[in-house]
Structures are given as structure tokens and as C-alpha cells.
C-alpha atoms as a PDB file:
ATOM      1  CA  MET A   1     172.029 213.369 188.031  1.00  0.00           C
ATOM      2  CA  SER A   2     173.312 214.255 184.561  1.00  0.00           C
ATOM      3  CA  THR A   3     173.368 217.713 182.978  1.00  0.00           C
ATOM      4  CA  VAL A   4     173.371 218.656 179.283  1.00  0.00           C
ATOM      5  CA  VAL A   5     175.299 221.808 178.337  1.00  0.00           C
ATOM      6  CA  ASP A   6     174.636 223.069 174.799  1.00  0.00           C
ATOM      7  CA  LYS A   7     177.701 224.168 172.834  1.00  0.00           C
ATOM      8  CA  PRO A   8     177.995 225.650 169.328  1.00  0.00           C
ATOM      9  CA  TRP A   9     179.718 222.423 168.178  1.00  0.00           C
ATOM     10  CA  GLY A  10     177.182 220.049 169.820  1.00  0.00           C
ATOM     11  CA  HIS A  11     176.760 219.425 173.554  1.00  0.00           C
ATOM     12  CA  GLU A  12     178.341 218.057 176.712  1.00  0.00           C
ATOM     13  CA  LEU A  13     176.612 215.482 178.870  1.00  0.00           C
ATOM     14  CA  ILE A  14     178.088 215.778 182.365  1.00  0.00           C
ATOM     15  CA  TRP A  15     177.365 212.339 183.811  1.00  0.00           C
ATOM     16  CA  ALA A  16     179.566 212.438 186.934  1.00  0.00           C
ATOM     17  CA  ARG A  17     180.637 215.341 189.124  1.00  0.00           C
ATOM     18  CA  THR A  18     182.330 215.092 192.501  1.00  0.00           C
ATOM     19  CA  ASP A  19     184.768 217.281 194.400  1.00  0.00           C
ATOM     20  CA  ARG A  20     187.624 215.206 192.872  1.00  0.00           C
ATOM     21  CA  TYR A  21     186.666 214.434 189.222  1.00  0.00           C
ATOM     22  CA  VAL A  22     184.191 215.112 186.398  1.00  0.00           C
ATOM     23  CA  GLY A  23     182.967 212.700 183.716  1.00  0.00           C
ATOM     24  CA  LYS A  24     181.530 213.981 180.421  1.00  0.00           C
ATOM     25  CA  ILE A  25     180.488 212.743 177.020  1.00  0.00           C
ATOM     26  CA  LEU A  26     181.156 215.349 174.344  1.00  0.00           C
ATOM     27  CA  HIS A  27     178.891 215.072 171.298  1.00  0.00           C
ATOM     28  CA  ILE A  28     180.604 216.884 168.421  1.00  0.00           C
ATOM     29  CA  LYS A  29     178.630 217.326 165.200  1.00  0.00           C
ATOM     30  CA  ALA A  30     180.271 216.357 161.915  1.00  0.00           C
ATOM     31  CA  GLY A  31     182.515 219.132 160.607  1.00  0.00           C
ATOM     32  CA  GLU A  32     182.500 221.044 163.908  1.00  0.00           C
ATOM     33  CA  ALA A  33     185.463 221.693 166.210  1.00  0.00           C
ATOM     34  CA  LEU A  34     186.197 222.708 169.760  1.00  0.00           C
ATOM     35  CA  SER A  35     188.396 225.746 170.272  1.00  0.00           C
ATOM     36  CA  LEU A  36     192.157 225.456 170.109  1.00  0.00           C
ATOM     37  CA  GLN A  37     192.786 225.669 173.838  1.00  0.00           C
ATOM     38  CA  TYR A  38     194.797 224.697 176.850  1.00  0.00           C
ATOM     39  CA  HIS A  39     194.210 224.396 180.586  1.00  0.00           C
ATOM     40  CA  ARG A  40     196.406 225.892 183.283  1.00  0.00           C
ATOM     41  CA  VAL A  41     195.494 223.261 185.911  1.00  0.00           C
ATOM     42  CA  LYS A  42     192.816 220.941 184.531  1.00  0.00           C
ATOM     43  CA  ASP A  43     194.112 217.455 183.738  1.00  0.00           C
ATOM     44  CA  GLU A  44     191.989 215.264 181.473  1.00  0.00           C
ATOM     45  CA  THR A  45     191.911 212.010 179.569  1.00  0.00           C
ATOM     46  CA  ILE A  46     189.712 211.575 176.503  1.00  0.00           C
ATOM     47  CA  MET A  47     188.655 208.480 174.576  1.00  0.00           C
ATOM     48  CA  LEU A  48     186.760 208.239 171.294  1.00  0.00           C
ATOM     49  CA  LEU A  49     183.542 206.262 171.808  1.00  0.00           C
ATOM     50  CA  THR A  50     181.815 206.589 168.415  1.00  0.00           C
ATOM     51  CA  GLY A  51     182.400 208.401 165.140  1.00  0.00           C
ATOM     52  CA  ARG A  52     185.632 209.749 163.708  1.00  0.00           C
ATOM     53  CA  MET A  53     187.698 212.602 165.093  1.00  0.00           C
ATOM     54  CA  ARG A  54     191.005 214.330 164.471  1.00  0.00           C
ATOM     55  CA  LEU A  55     192.985 215.590 167.453  1.00  0.00           C
ATOM     56  CA  GLU A  56     195.406 218.494 167.068  1.00  0.00           C
ATOM     57  CA  TYR A  57     197.887 218.841 169.931  1.00  0.00           C
ATOM     58  CA  PHE A  58     201.267 220.349 170.803  1.00  0.00           C
ATOM     59  CA  ALA A  59     203.270 221.867 173.619  1.00  0.00           C
ATOM     60  CA  GLU A  60     204.000 225.590 173.545  1.00  0.00           C
ATOM     61  CA  GLY A  61     206.841 226.325 171.136  1.00  0.00           C
ATOM     62  CA  GLU A  62     206.491 222.990 169.306  1.00  0.00           C
ATOM     63  CA  GLU A  63     205.066 222.251 165.876  1.00  0.00           C
ATOM     64  CA  PRO A  64     201.385 221.203 165.941  1.00  0.00           C
ATOM     65  CA  GLN A  65     200.688 217.500 165.455  1.00  0.00           C
ATOM     66  CA  SER A  66     197.444 216.044 164.130  1.00  0.00           C
ATOM     67  CA  ARG A  67     196.101 212.511 164.030  1.00  0.00           C
ATOM     68  CA  GLU A  68     192.855 210.661 163.757  1.00  0.00           C
ATOM     69  CA  LEU A  69     192.029 208.871 166.993  1.00  0.00           C
ATOM     70  CA  ALA A  70     191.248 205.186 166.936  1.00  0.00           C
ATOM     71  CA  PRO A  71     188.110 204.019 168.758  1.00  0.00           C
ATOM     72  CA  ARG A  72     188.685 203.335 172.467  1.00  0.00           C
ATOM     73  CA  GLU A  73     192.198 204.875 172.318  1.00  0.00           C
ATOM     74  CA  PRO A  74     192.766 206.989 175.455  1.00  0.00           C
ATOM     75  CA  VAL A  75     194.750 210.230 175.235  1.00  0.00           C
ATOM     76  CA  HIS A  76     196.018 212.042 178.327  1.00  0.00           C
ATOM     77  CA  ILE A  77     195.861 215.830 177.930  1.00  0.00           C
ATOM     78  CA  THR A  78     198.099 217.390 180.548  1.00  0.00           C
ATOM     79  CA  PRO A  79     197.920 221.007 181.706  1.00  0.00           C
ATOM     80  CA  LEU A  80     199.366 223.502 179.182  1.00  0.00           C
ATOM     81  CA  MET A  81     199.072 221.072 176.227  1.00  0.00           C
ATOM     82  CA  ARG A  82     197.475 222.927 173.325  1.00  0.00           C
ATOM     83  CA  HIS A  83     194.677 220.836 171.812  1.00  0.00           C
ATOM     84  CA  ARG A  84     191.597 220.839 169.605  1.00  0.00           C
ATOM     85  CA  MET A  85     189.093 218.114 168.679  1.00  0.00           C
ATOM     86  CA  ILE A  86     187.633 218.169 165.151  1.00  0.00           C
ATOM     87  CA  ALA A  87     184.765 215.833 164.246  1.00  0.00           C
ATOM     88  CA  ILE A  88     185.049 214.142 160.849  1.00  0.00           C
ATOM     89  CA  GLU A  89     181.601 212.612 161.407  1.00  0.00           C
ATOM     90  CA  ASP A  90     179.180 212.823 164.335  1.00  0.00           C
ATOM     91  CA  THR A  91     181.371 211.881 167.272  1.00  0.00           C
ATOM     92  CA  ASP A  92     181.018 211.022 170.962  1.00  0.00           C
ATOM     93  CA  VAL A  93     184.085 211.457 173.157  1.00  0.00           C
ATOM     94  CA  LEU A  94     184.384 210.313 176.763  1.00  0.00           C
ATOM     95  CA  GLU A  95     186.245 212.827 178.928  1.00  0.00           C
ATOM     96  CA  VAL A  96     187.321 212.336 182.536  1.00  0.00           C
ATOM     97  CA  SER A  97     189.017 215.275 184.207  1.00  0.00           C
ATOM     98  CA  THR A  98     189.822 217.139 187.352  1.00  0.00           C
ATOM     99  CA  THR A  99     187.133 219.575 188.472  1.00  0.00           C
ATOM    100  CA  GLU A 100     188.393 222.884 187.030  1.00  0.00           C
ATOM    101  CA  LEU A 101     185.732 223.134 184.292  1.00  0.00           C
ATOM    102  CA  ASP A 102     186.216 226.880 183.742  1.00  0.00           C
ATOM    103  CA  ASP A 103     189.982 226.517 183.248  1.00  0.00           C
ATOM    104  CA  VAL A 104     189.983 227.114 179.472  1.00  0.00           C
ATOM    105  CA  VAL A 105     192.396 229.426 177.645  1.00  0.00           C
ATOM    106  CA  ARG A 106     191.129 229.762 174.066  1.00  0.00           C
ATOM    107  CA  LEU A 107     193.793 230.449 171.436  1.00  0.00           C
ATOM    108  CA  ALA A 108     191.410 230.234 168.440  1.00  0.00           C
ATOM    109  CA  ASP A 109     187.664 229.660 168.190  1.00  0.00           C
ATOM    110  CA  ARG A 110     185.547 229.462 165.032  1.00  0.00           C
ATOM    111  CA  TYR A 111     182.438 230.515 166.996  1.00  0.00           C
ATOM    112  CA  GLY A 112     183.855 233.810 168.282  1.00  0.00           C
ATOM    113  CA  ARG A 113     184.111 232.758 171.930  1.00  0.00           C
ATOM    114  CA  SER A 114     186.865 234.119 174.169  1.00  0.00           C
ATOM    115  CA  ASP A 115     187.900 233.594 177.798  1.00  0.00           C
END
């Protein structure tokens, strides 16, 4: 059974949830962005399904990098990697991760959310 979770940037469709992994589709509205964040334990891989998106990412102490993801290009986001997804146009992103969904440390958030 799938679950939709509304977010200020769009919504998450959680389409798989077991005791070992979680599968989501993130729908990010054009011009919106997820928080600049990292995870202490959560390990995830994302892949752009539709739309256009810029990914910002860097390890602590490094200079931020930014690039536009190509469709169907997987990116592994390891624990502690700082990252943010920014939609250039309406975007759907496939995310598969470990189960620690509340493991989010927000460094910056345009919607005023904190941990």
C-alpha cells in the first residue's frame, strides 16, 4: 500500500516499505528545493525519472558542487554527504534508501523547518 506525504516543495509517494528498505518517488515542483541536509545513518540512491533537477552535494569541509542530473542517472548519497535537490521544472525523483526516514539534519531550509 502506498502513502502520500505532503511537503512544502511537493510530495513524497512512499511505494515500498519493509524492515530493510524504503522506496519513494519525490515530486518536486518547479523552482522548489529540498532542505540542504545530511543523514547520520540513512543511505540512499536517487535517480531522476522526469523533469530537470540540479543536485548540490559535498562532504563536510569541502567546497559545494552542483550539477544537473541526467535522466536515469543514479547517484548514491552516503551518510554525512551534504545534499540538496532543486527542481528546474516539475520533477519526479526515484529514491531507494535504508529505513531511517527521520534521520535528517537540516543545515538550511527555505520553508523554515528545523530538526
